[in-house]
Protein backbone atom coordinates (compact mmCIF):
# COMPACT_ATOMS: atom_id res chain seq x y z
CA MET A 1 0.00 0.00 0.00
CA ARG A 2 1.41 3.41 -0.96
CA PHE A 3 0.92 6.91 0.40
CA PRO A 4 -1.21 8.80 -2.17
CA HIS A 5 0.73 12.09 -2.02
CA SER A 6 4.27 10.70 -2.30
CA GLY A 7 3.93 7.22 -3.74
CA ARG A 8 6.18 5.90 -0.96
CA ILE A 9 5.35 2.51 0.49
CA MET A 10 3.09 2.70 3.55
CA TYR A 11 3.11 -1.01 4.34
CA VAL A 12 3.61 -4.37 2.64
CA ARG A 13 0.62 -6.71 2.47
CA THR A 14 2.39 -9.77 1.09
CA TYR A 15 6.12 -10.38 0.91
CA SER A 16 7.69 -12.11 -2.05
CA PHE A 17 11.44 -12.59 -2.26
CA LYS A 18 13.64 -13.88 -5.05
CA GLU A 19 14.75 -17.20 -3.63
CA ASP A 20 18.13 -17.12 -5.36
CA GLN A 21 18.91 -13.79 -3.65
CA VAL A 22 18.00 -14.85 -0.11
CA ARG A 23 19.04 -18.52 -0.27
CA ASN A 24 22.56 -17.92 1.13
CA GLN A 25 21.57 -15.14 3.52
CA VAL A 26 21.19 -15.57 7.27
CA LEU A 27 19.94 -12.03 7.98
CA PHE A 28 18.88 -9.39 5.47
CA ARG A 29 16.97 -6.13 5.12
CA ILE A 30 14.97 -4.58 2.33
CA PRO A 31 14.87 -0.82 1.59
CA GLU A 32 11.08 -0.66 1.98
CA GLU A 33 11.21 -1.96 5.58
CA LYS A 34 14.04 -0.04 7.21
CA GLY A 35 12.98 -1.05 10.71
CA SER A 36 12.70 -4.76 9.95
CA ILE A 37 15.34 -7.46 9.89
CA PHE A 38 14.47 -10.64 8.04
CA VAL A 39 16.01 -13.97 9.03
CA THR A 40 16.18 -17.31 7.27
CA ASP A 41 15.86 -20.88 8.51
CA PRO A 42 19.61 -21.29 9.24
CA PHE A 43 19.40 -18.33 11.65
CA LEU A 44 16.32 -19.78 13.36
CA GLN A 45 18.02 -23.16 13.70
CA ILE A 46 21.10 -21.63 15.39
CA TYR A 47 18.90 -19.42 17.58
CA HIS A 48 16.88 -22.37 18.87
CA GLU A 49 19.85 -24.78 19.14
CA HIS A 50 21.60 -22.38 21.51
CA GLY A 51 18.51 -21.80 23.63
CA LEU A 52 18.44 -18.08 22.89
CA THR A 53 15.38 -16.07 23.87
CA GLY A 54 14.07 -12.53 23.65
CA LEU A 55 13.17 -12.26 19.97
CA ILE A 56 9.75 -12.73 18.40
CA PHE A 57 9.59 -14.22 14.92
CA LYS A 58 6.75 -13.99 12.42
CA GLU A 59 6.86 -15.99 9.19
CA VAL A 60 6.22 -13.60 6.30
CA TRP A 61 7.37 -15.78 3.40
CA SER A 62 8.32 -19.36 2.68
CA SER A 63 10.28 -20.66 -0.28
CA GLU A 64 8.16 -23.80 -0.02
CA SER A 65 5.02 -21.84 -0.88
CA ALA A 66 6.71 -19.73 -3.58
CA THR A 67 6.09 -20.72 -7.16
């Protein structure tokens, strides 16, 4: 959704990433979401294996559902 007066992005309804560009990433950001940090499954695996706490994760995209 975009702001009508500037055309800048207000919020993202549905995320869609290019799998080949995020496949080897552990953490990444996108310009449209400056306050968000996106993580991939390898990050989540390490996070949980080490018993870390304090972060909240929300799945916004899955390569398994991407076509």
